[in-house]
Amino acid sequence: MVLIVFLLATGCVHSEQALNSNSKHDGHERLKVPEPIEINIAAVGDIMVHGPQIRAQYDPEAKNYEFRNNFQFVRNYIEQADIALVNLETTFAGAARGYSSYPLFNSPDAVAIALKDTGFDIVSTVNNHTYDTGMDGMIRTQEVLSEQNMDVIGTRTDESNPEFLIKEVKGIKMGVIGYTYETDPWKGQKTLNGNQVDPAVESLINTFNYDTLDEDLMRIKNQVKMMQSQGAELVVCFIHWGDEYHRSPNNNQIKMAQALSNYGVDIIFGSHPHVLQPISWIQSEVDEHQTLVAYSMGNFLSNQRYEILKNRYTEDGIIVNVKIIKDLELNQIRIEDVSYVPTWVHRYYEKDKPIYEILPVCDALENLAAYHLTSEDSIMRVQNSKNNTIDLIESEPSKQIHIAQ
């Protein structure tokens, strides 16, 4: 269980202070106190690959796909984290199947290469599009990501594999699990995105159903307790939930967040609404434990734009940064700081070809030309994105969540 302590004004206790507090006063050598461990976690929302993006990233001369340019301006923010998580809302079923987007997503493997190159470590593959290309596509997606040395949560290739990930980061054991909501059943069968899931692979996908939520929460609770029994000192849940295009969490999200806090989950990263929702703290009803919940981190990359949806918020995202400190002397872990980087998906044209780039909006507004912001419309849109994101995330100053410096 993680202790939530913020030292925004004074920072951590310095090692010098710690040494002084543990000194012997009889002239003997001072006791050496081990330095605390610090890890930094970064998480982002949805990676979506729509048809215009697939066409835009094709290189006719090389006859291949390249997506790394999409991430060039945010790469530094992801790389500097000790562990970085992302939600992949597409599948890698292979070129032979044919690349496609909504309603059934299948993207080039080059997306996985770009994610690895950007610095992502853990990919949630469980969402309403997990089964868009069936069992084969679901399995191959995991294999492609594993080939890039990224860990997968939410889906498995085999029942012998655990339903969660235990990952040691600089001496801190993290338990990480992913879950998605189910769509309405069809003839008694579980569905995702309206697609019937073969009963033979149902157990390979971590899902919950709003109609049986109490029962499904018990399964999640058991898995949280199992992670803790296997040494997880920090428990993170990546959950695909909520209502699309709604900027506030619904009652089911709030109910689940409270339950997960009661179970001892430390951090909840949310996805699916395709717009940002607040970041909040949930107080456990059973002890003093608190849980950080980012209800929705928005779209990190997509073609969901105002021109298509008449919704500017679908262009916005955030990078959520969580600093974790482990006090080795007390054997305690705490969340030390929470910050965020507002992001915006910039689409512009060169020689009639669209270019997609994820921009860290504060940096971009300080150097427009360097971030290819050359039109009045794009400058206006990125400024609006910044204002809307800050207004939403920092609506309650008491949350102690601040924009990254």
Protein backbone atom coordinates (compact mmCIF):
# COMPACT_ATOMS: atom_id res chain seq x y z
CA MET A 1 0.00 0.00 0.00
CA VAL A 2 1.40 3.35 -0.97
CA LEU A 3 1.48 6.31 1.38
CA ILE A 4 0.41 9.53 -0.34
CA VAL A 5 2.70 12.35 0.76
CA PHE A 6 3.27 15.59 -1.12
CA LEU A 7 6.30 17.76 -0.48
CA LEU A 8 5.75 20.22 -3.31
CA ALA A 9 7.09 23.15 -1.34
CA THR A 10 10.08 21.58 0.37
CA GLY A 11 10.81 18.47 -1.69
CA CYS A 12 12.17 15.22 -0.29
CA VAL A 13 14.06 14.97 2.97
CA HIS A 14 17.68 15.40 1.97
CA SER A 15 20.15 12.68 2.82
CA GLU A 16 22.15 15.19 4.90
CA GLN A 17 19.12 15.83 7.08
CA ALA A 18 18.50 12.12 7.37
CA LEU A 19 22.08 11.50 8.42
CA ASN A 20 21.92 14.23 11.04
CA SER A 21 18.74 12.81 12.51
CA ASN A 22 20.41 9.40 12.90
CA SER A 23 23.80 10.55 14.12
CA LYS A 24 25.54 9.24 17.19
CA HIS A 25 26.46 12.06 19.55
CA ASP A 26 29.38 10.34 21.28
CA GLY A 27 31.97 11.00 18.59
CA HIS A 28 31.55 7.68 16.83
CA GLU A 29 30.94 7.43 13.09
CA ARG A 30 27.47 8.43 11.96
CA LEU A 31 25.09 5.74 10.85
CA LYS A 32 24.70 5.60 7.11
CA VAL A 33 21.10 5.89 5.94
CA PRO A 34 20.38 4.42 2.50
CA GLU A 35 19.31 6.87 -0.16
CA PRO A 36 15.63 6.63 -1.12
CA ILE A 37 14.71 5.14 -4.48
CA GLU A 38 12.89 7.39 -6.94
CA ILE A 39 11.02 6.20 -10.02
CA ASN A 40 9.05 8.25 -12.50
CA ILE A 41 6.00 6.81 -14.25
CA ALA A 42 4.53 8.33 -17.43
CA ALA A 43 1.19 7.32 -18.94
CA VAL A 44 -0.80 8.43 -21.97
CA GLY A 45 -4.21 7.62 -23.43
CA ASP A 46 -5.35 6.24 -26.75
CA ILE A 47 -3.24 5.46 -29.80
CA MET A 48 -5.68 5.30 -32.71
CA VAL A 49 -4.75 4.81 -36.36
CA HIS A 50 -7.46 5.93 -38.76
CA GLY A 51 -7.41 5.52 -42.53
CA PRO A 52 -5.97 8.98 -43.30
CA GLN A 53 -3.12 8.28 -40.87
CA ILE A 54 -2.28 4.95 -42.49
CA ARG A 55 -2.14 6.57 -45.92
CA ALA A 56 -0.16 9.53 -44.64
CA GLN A 57 2.54 7.33 -43.10
CA TYR A 58 3.20 5.27 -46.22
CA ASP A 59 6.51 5.92 -47.97
CA PRO A 60 6.03 5.01 -51.65
CA GLU A 61 9.77 5.09 -52.36
CA ALA A 62 10.74 2.77 -49.53
CA LYS A 63 7.42 0.89 -49.89
CA ASN A 64 6.91 0.74 -46.15
CA TYR A 65 5.21 2.56 -43.28
CA GLU A 66 6.90 4.92 -40.84
CA PHE A 67 5.21 6.41 -37.75
CA ARG A 68 8.13 7.68 -35.71
CA ASN A 69 7.70 11.27 -36.85
CA ASN A 70 4.30 11.35 -35.12
CA PHE A 71 6.08 11.19 -31.75
CA GLN A 72 9.23 13.22 -32.36
CA PHE A 73 8.19 16.20 -30.22
CA VAL A 74 7.01 14.17 -27.20
CA ARG A 75 9.71 11.52 -27.27
CA ASN A 76 11.82 13.31 -24.68
CA TYR A 77 8.95 13.33 -22.19
CA ILE A 78 8.41 9.59 -22.57
CA GLU A 79 12.07 8.60 -22.64
CA GLN A 80 12.88 10.34 -19.38
CA ALA A 81 10.39 8.22 -17.46
CA ASP A 82 11.59 5.04 -15.79
CA ILE A 83 8.44 3.29 -16.97
CA ALA A 84 5.94 4.49 -19.58
CA LEU A 85 2.47 3.10 -20.36
CA VAL A 86 0.13 3.56 -23.33
CA ASN A 87 -3.23 2.25 -24.56
CA LEU A 88 -3.10 0.71 -28.04
CA GLU A 89 -6.52 0.97 -29.64
CA THR A 90 -5.81 -1.04 -32.75
CA THR A 91 -4.51 -4.48 -33.71
CA PHE A 92 -1.54 -5.83 -35.66
CA ALA A 93 -3.11 -8.65 -37.68
CA GLY A 94 -0.62 -8.29 -40.52
CA ALA A 95 -0.53 -6.80 -44.02
CA ALA A 96 -2.11 -9.86 -45.63
CA ARG A 97 -5.37 -9.13 -43.87
CA GLY A 98 -5.40 -5.58 -45.21
CA TYR A 99 -5.01 -2.44 -43.13
CA SER A 100 -8.23 -0.86 -41.92
CA SER A 101 -9.63 1.59 -39.40
CA TYR A 102 -13.06 2.26 -37.91
CA PRO A 103 -14.98 0.16 -37.10
CA LEU A 104 -12.40 -2.66 -37.30
CA PHE A 105 -8.83 -1.51 -36.74
CA ASN A 106 -5.76 -3.21 -38.21
CA SER A 107 -2.56 -1.17 -38.41
CA PRO A 108 0.97 -1.66 -39.76
CA ASP A 109 3.52 -3.21 -37.40
CA ALA A 110 5.50 0.02 -37.83
CA VAL A 111 3.27 1.56 -35.14
CA ALA A 112 4.83 -0.83 -32.61
CA ILE A 113 8.31 0.14 -33.75
CA ALA A 114 7.43 3.82 -33.25
CA LEU A 115 6.05 3.18 -29.77
CA LYS A 116 9.22 1.38 -28.74
CA ASP A 117 11.40 4.08 -30.29
CA THR A 118 9.46 6.72 -28.35
CA GLY A 119 10.24 4.98 -25.08
CA PHE A 120 7.07 3.11 -24.12
CA ASP A 121 7.57 0.04 -21.94
CA ILE A 122 4.07 -1.29 -21.18
CA VAL A 123 1.21 -1.45 -23.68
CA SER A 124 -2.40 -2.05 -22.70
CA THR A 125 -3.91 -4.12 -25.50
CA VAL A 126 -7.29 -4.54 -23.86
CA ASN A 127 -10.09 -2.26 -25.06
CA ASN A 128 -13.21 -2.41 -27.20
CA HIS A 129 -11.04 -2.90 -30.32
CA THR A 130 -8.97 -5.81 -28.95
CA TYR A 131 -10.92 -8.37 -30.97
CA ASP A 132 -11.42 -6.33 -34.17
CA THR A 133 -9.37 -8.85 -36.15
CA GLY A 134 -10.41 -11.91 -34.18
CA MET A 135 -8.35 -14.33 -32.16
CA ASP A 136 -5.47 -14.42 -34.64
CA GLY A 137 -5.20 -10.64 -34.70
CA MET A 138 -5.33 -10.43 -30.91
CA ILE A 139 -2.55 -13.00 -30.52
CA ARG A 140 -0.38 -11.51 -33.26
CA THR A 141 -0.70 -8.03 -31.74
CA GLN A 142 0.88 -9.31 -28.54
CA GLU A 143 3.62 -11.08 -30.46
CA VAL A 144 4.52 -7.95 -32.44
CA LEU A 145 4.78 -5.89 -29.26
CA SER A 146 6.82 -8.59 -27.52
CA GLU A 147 9.25 -8.60 -30.46
CA GLN A 148 9.84 -4.93 -29.67
CA ASN A 149 10.58 -5.85 -26.03
CA MET A 150 7.47 -4.15 -24.68
CA ASP A 151 5.33 -5.72 -21.98
CA VAL A 152 1.63 -6.31 -22.65
CA ILE A 153 -1.20 -6.03 -20.13
CA GLY A 154 -4.87 -6.91 -20.46
CA THR A 155 -4.57 -9.79 -22.91
CA ARG A 156 -2.63 -13.06 -22.94
CA THR A 157 -1.53 -15.50 -25.61
CA ASP A 158 -1.98 -18.51 -23.34
CA GLU A 159 -3.72 -19.36 -20.07
CA SER A 160 -0.38 -20.35 -18.57
CA ASN A 161 0.61 -16.67 -18.64
CA PRO A 162 -0.45 -14.52 -15.66
CA GLU A 163 -3.38 -12.12 -15.95
CA PHE A 164 -1.19 -9.28 -14.71
CA LEU A 165 2.38 -8.04 -14.89
CA ILE A 166 4.86 -7.87 -12.02
CA LYS A 167 7.72 -5.63 -13.07
CA GLU A 168 10.66 -4.49 -10.96
CA VAL A 169 11.75 -0.93 -11.64
CA LYS A 170 14.90 0.24 -9.85
CA GLY A 171 14.15 -2.01 -6.90
CA ILE A 172 10.43 -1.26 -6.67
CA LYS A 173 8.03 -4.05 -7.62
CA MET A 174 5.06 -2.79 -9.64
CA GLY A 175 1.94 -4.82 -10.24
CA VAL A 176 0.18 -3.71 -13.43
CA ILE A 177 -3.11 -4.93 -14.88
CA GLY A 178 -5.40 -3.85 -17.71
CA TYR A 179 -9.17 -4.20 -18.07
CA THR A 180 -11.88 -3.20 -20.55
CA TYR A 181 -15.65 -3.01 -20.54
CA GLU A 182 -17.65 -5.49 -22.63
CA THR A 183 -20.28 -4.53 -25.16
CA ASP A 184 -23.76 -6.10 -25.07
CA PRO A 185 -23.71 -9.91 -25.27
CA TRP A 186 -24.95 -11.65 -28.40
CA LYS A 187 -26.78 -14.97 -28.00
CA GLY A 188 -25.19 -15.42 -24.62
CA GLN A 189 -21.65 -14.74 -25.89
CA LYS A 190 -19.30 -12.04 -24.69
CA THR A 191 -18.65 -9.27 -27.24
CA LEU A 192 -16.11 -6.50 -27.72
CA ASN A 193 -17.03 -3.71 -30.13
CA GLY A 194 -20.04 -5.87 -31.00
CA ASN A 195 -17.80 -8.73 -32.14
CA GLN A 196 -18.50 -12.13 -30.61
CA VAL A 197 -15.51 -13.39 -28.67
CA ASP A 198 -14.77 -17.08 -29.16
CA PRO A 199 -15.45 -18.80 -25.80
CA ALA A 200 -12.10 -20.56 -26.21
CA VAL A 201 -10.24 -17.25 -25.76
CA GLU A 202 -12.56 -15.38 -23.39
CA SER A 203 -10.26 -16.12 -20.48
CA LEU A 204 -7.33 -14.52 -22.33
CA ILE A 205 -8.95 -11.07 -22.25
CA ASN A 206 -9.48 -9.11 -19.02
CA THR A 207 -13.01 -7.74 -19.24
CA PHE A 208 -15.85 -6.58 -17.03
CA ASN A 209 -19.52 -6.07 -17.73
CA TYR A 210 -21.49 -3.18 -16.30
CA ASP A 211 -24.48 -5.51 -15.84
CA THR A 212 -22.44 -7.83 -13.61
CA LEU A 213 -20.10 -5.21 -12.20
CA ASP A 214 -20.20 -6.29 -8.55
CA GLU A 215 -19.22 -9.83 -9.49
CA ASP A 216 -16.52 -8.67 -11.88
CA LEU A 217 -15.07 -6.29 -9.30
CA MET A 218 -14.54 -9.28 -7.03
CA ARG A 219 -12.40 -10.89 -9.74
CA ILE A 220 -10.35 -7.71 -10.02
CA LYS A 221 -10.01 -7.60 -6.24
CA ASN A 222 -8.65 -11.15 -6.22
CA GLN A 223 -6.09 -10.26 -8.85
CA VAL A 224 -5.01 -7.16 -6.92
CA LYS A 225 -4.53 -9.26 -3.80
CA MET A 226 -2.62 -11.83 -5.83
CA MET A 227 -0.27 -9.16 -7.16
CA GLN A 228 0.33 -7.95 -3.63
CA SER A 229 0.95 -11.51 -2.41
CA GLN A 230 3.60 -11.83 -5.14
CA GLY A 231 5.44 -8.81 -3.82
CA ALA A 232 3.84 -5.88 -5.65
CA GLU A 233 4.56 -2.76 -3.62
CA LEU A 234 2.74 -0.49 -6.07
CA VAL A 235 -0.42 -1.51 -7.94
CA VAL A 236 -1.43 0.19 -11.19
CA CYS A 237 -4.66 -0.45 -13.11
CA PHE A 238 -5.14 0.67 -16.72
CA ILE A 239 -8.88 0.65 -17.39
CA HIS A 240 -10.89 1.21 -20.57
CA TRP A 241 -14.21 2.64 -19.38
CA GLY A 242 -16.60 5.58 -19.44
CA ASP A 243 -18.72 7.32 -22.08
CA GLU A 244 -17.21 8.46 -25.33
CA TYR A 245 -16.80 12.24 -25.72
CA HIS A 246 -17.96 12.96 -22.14
CA ARG A 247 -15.54 15.13 -20.15
CA SER A 248 -16.82 13.91 -16.77
CA PRO A 249 -16.67 10.39 -15.33
CA ASN A 250 -19.94 8.51 -15.17
CA ASN A 251 -21.36 6.72 -12.14
CA ASN A 252 -19.80 3.39 -13.10
CA GLN A 253 -16.34 4.94 -13.33
CA ILE A 254 -16.78 6.56 -9.93
CA LYS A 255 -18.05 3.30 -8.41
CA MET A 256 -15.15 1.30 -9.86
CA ALA A 257 -12.54 3.84 -8.78
CA GLN A 258 -13.84 3.73 -5.22
CA ALA A 259 -13.84 -0.07 -5.19
CA LEU A 260 -10.32 -0.26 -6.57
CA SER A 261 -9.13 2.21 -3.94
CA ASN A 262 -10.72 0.03 -1.26
CA TYR A 263 -8.80 -2.97 -2.68
CA GLY A 264 -5.47 -1.14 -2.37
CA VAL A 265 -4.88 -0.01 -5.96
CA ASP A 266 -2.51 2.96 -5.98
CA ILE A 267 -2.91 4.42 -9.47
CA ILE A 268 -5.69 4.15 -12.06
CA PHE A 269 -5.04 5.25 -15.62
CA GLY A 270 -8.21 5.56 -17.69
CA SER A 271 -8.92 5.49 -21.41
CA HIS A 272 -11.78 5.25 -23.94
CA PRO A 273 -13.76 8.54 -23.81
CA HIS A 274 -11.36 10.09 -26.42
CA VAL A 275 -11.49 13.35 -24.47
CA LEU A 276 -9.86 14.35 -21.22
CA GLN A 277 -11.54 13.78 -17.89
CA PRO A 278 -10.35 14.99 -14.47
CA ILE A 279 -7.51 13.63 -12.36
CA SER A 280 -8.63 13.05 -8.79
CA TRP A 281 -7.78 11.43 -5.48
CA ILE A 282 -10.01 8.69 -4.08
CA GLN A 283 -10.02 8.09 -0.34
CA SER A 284 -10.32 4.43 0.61
CA GLU A 285 -13.37 3.58 2.70
CA VAL A 286 -11.51 0.89 4.64
CA ASP A 287 -8.23 2.56 5.63
CA GLU A 288 -6.15 5.72 5.12
CA HIS A 289 -5.07 4.68 1.65
CA GLN A 290 -5.59 7.10 -1.24
CA THR A 291 -5.69 6.32 -4.96
CA LEU A 292 -4.72 8.56 -7.83
CA VAL A 293 -7.18 8.25 -10.71
CA ALA A 294 -6.82 9.82 -14.15
CA TYR A 295 -10.33 9.09 -15.40
CA SER A 296 -9.45 9.63 -19.06
CA MET A 297 -6.16 10.75 -20.60
CA GLY A 298 -7.75 11.56 -23.95
CA ASN A 299 -6.39 10.83 -27.41
CA PHE A 300 -2.62 10.76 -27.64
CA LEU A 301 -2.73 10.12 -31.40
CA SER A 302 -5.74 9.94 -33.71
CA ASN A 303 -7.55 11.56 -36.63
CA GLN A 304 -10.56 12.47 -34.50
CA ARG A 305 -10.67 16.15 -35.36
CA TYR A 306 -13.02 19.08 -35.19
CA GLU A 307 -13.55 18.91 -38.96
CA ILE A 308 -14.94 15.39 -38.58
CA LEU A 309 -16.64 15.27 -35.17
CA LYS A 310 -17.27 18.97 -34.51
CA ASN A 311 -15.55 18.35 -31.20
CA ARG A 312 -12.26 20.09 -30.44
CA TYR A 313 -11.62 18.11 -27.27
CA THR A 314 -10.82 14.90 -29.21
CA GLU A 315 -7.56 16.52 -30.34
CA ASP A 316 -6.35 16.86 -26.73
CA GLY A 317 -4.37 14.52 -24.53
CA ILE A 318 -1.98 14.54 -21.59
CA ILE A 319 1.13 12.80 -20.39
CA VAL A 320 0.55 12.01 -16.71
CA ASN A 321 3.76 11.95 -14.66
CA VAL A 322 3.83 10.28 -11.24
CA LYS A 323 6.93 10.43 -9.06
CA ILE A 324 7.26 7.52 -6.62
CA ILE A 325 9.64 7.52 -3.65
CA LYS A 326 10.64 4.44 -1.65
CA ASP A 327 12.13 5.11 1.76
CA LEU A 328 14.46 2.16 2.27
CA GLU A 329 14.95 2.82 5.97
CA LEU A 330 11.21 2.80 6.72
CA ASN A 331 10.37 0.43 3.84
CA GLN A 332 7.61 2.81 2.77
CA ILE A 333 6.53 3.90 -0.71
CA ARG A 334 4.77 7.16 -1.39
CA ILE A 335 3.50 9.19 -4.32
CA GLU A 336 5.65 12.29 -4.10
CA ASP A 337 4.40 14.37 -6.99
CA VAL A 338 1.88 14.35 -9.85
CA SER A 339 2.28 16.53 -12.91
CA TYR A 340 1.05 16.52 -16.49
CA VAL A 341 2.06 17.65 -19.96
CA PRO A 342 -0.82 18.89 -22.14
CA THR A 343 -0.59 17.50 -25.68
CA TRP A 344 -2.37 18.27 -28.93
CA VAL A 345 -2.46 16.36 -32.23
CA HIS A 346 -1.33 18.69 -35.00
CA ARG A 347 -2.33 17.85 -38.55
CA TYR A 348 -1.03 19.98 -41.39
CA TYR A 349 -0.20 19.46 -45.05
CA GLU A 350 2.94 19.38 -47.15
CA LYS A 351 2.46 18.88 -50.89
CA ASP A 352 -1.13 17.84 -50.24
CA LYS A 353 0.01 15.09 -47.87
CA PRO A 354 -1.14 15.24 -44.23
CA ILE A 355 1.50 15.30 -41.49
CA TYR A 356 0.56 14.18 -37.98
CA GLU A 357 2.60 15.31 -34.97
CA ILE A 358 1.84 15.14 -31.24
CA LEU A 359 2.83 18.47 -29.72
CA PRO A 360 3.63 19.30 -26.08
CA VAL A 361 1.52 22.45 -26.18
CA CYS A 362 3.45 24.62 -23.72
CA ASP A 363 6.72 24.05 -25.56
CA ALA A 364 5.05 24.55 -28.92
CA LEU A 365 3.52 27.89 -27.97
CA GLU A 366 6.94 29.17 -26.94
CA ASN A 367 8.52 28.34 -30.30
CA LEU A 368 5.84 28.18 -32.98
CA ALA A 369 8.10 27.73 -36.00
CA ALA A 370 10.09 24.87 -34.45
CA TYR A 371 6.86 22.95 -33.94
CA HIS A 372 5.53 23.71 -37.43
CA LEU A 373 2.76 25.98 -36.19
CA THR A 374 2.55 28.35 -39.12
CA SER A 375 -1.16 29.05 -39.59
CA GLU A 376 -3.44 31.22 -37.50
CA ASP A 377 -5.88 28.34 -37.21
CA SER A 378 -3.32 25.92 -35.79
CA ILE A 379 -1.99 28.50 -33.32
CA MET A 380 -5.51 29.25 -32.15
CA ARG A 381 -6.29 25.57 -31.77
CA VAL A 382 -3.21 24.71 -29.78
CA GLN A 383 -3.78 27.71 -27.48
CA ASN A 384 -7.39 26.62 -26.93
CA SER A 385 -6.17 23.08 -26.24
CA LYS A 386 -3.82 24.34 -23.54
CA ASN A 387 -6.48 26.48 -21.90
CA ASN A 388 -9.12 23.75 -21.98
CA THR A 389 -6.76 21.15 -20.54
CA ILE A 390 -5.52 23.35 -17.69
CA ASP A 391 -9.06 24.45 -16.85
CA LEU A 392 -10.18 20.83 -16.60
CA ILE A 393 -7.21 19.32 -14.76
CA GLU A 394 -6.59 22.19 -12.35
CA SER A 395 -10.22 23.06 -11.64
CA GLU A 396 -9.60 22.18 -7.99
CA PRO A 397 -6.22 23.53 -6.78
CA SER A 398 -6.43 21.33 -3.69
CA LYS A 399 -5.74 18.29 -5.87
CA GLN A 400 -2.02 19.21 -5.85
CA ILE A 401 -1.68 18.24 -9.48
CA HIS A 402 0.31 20.68 -11.55
CA ILE A 403 1.56 21.25 -15.06
CA ALA A 404 5.04 19.83 -15.67
CA GLN A 405 7.88 22.34 -15.60
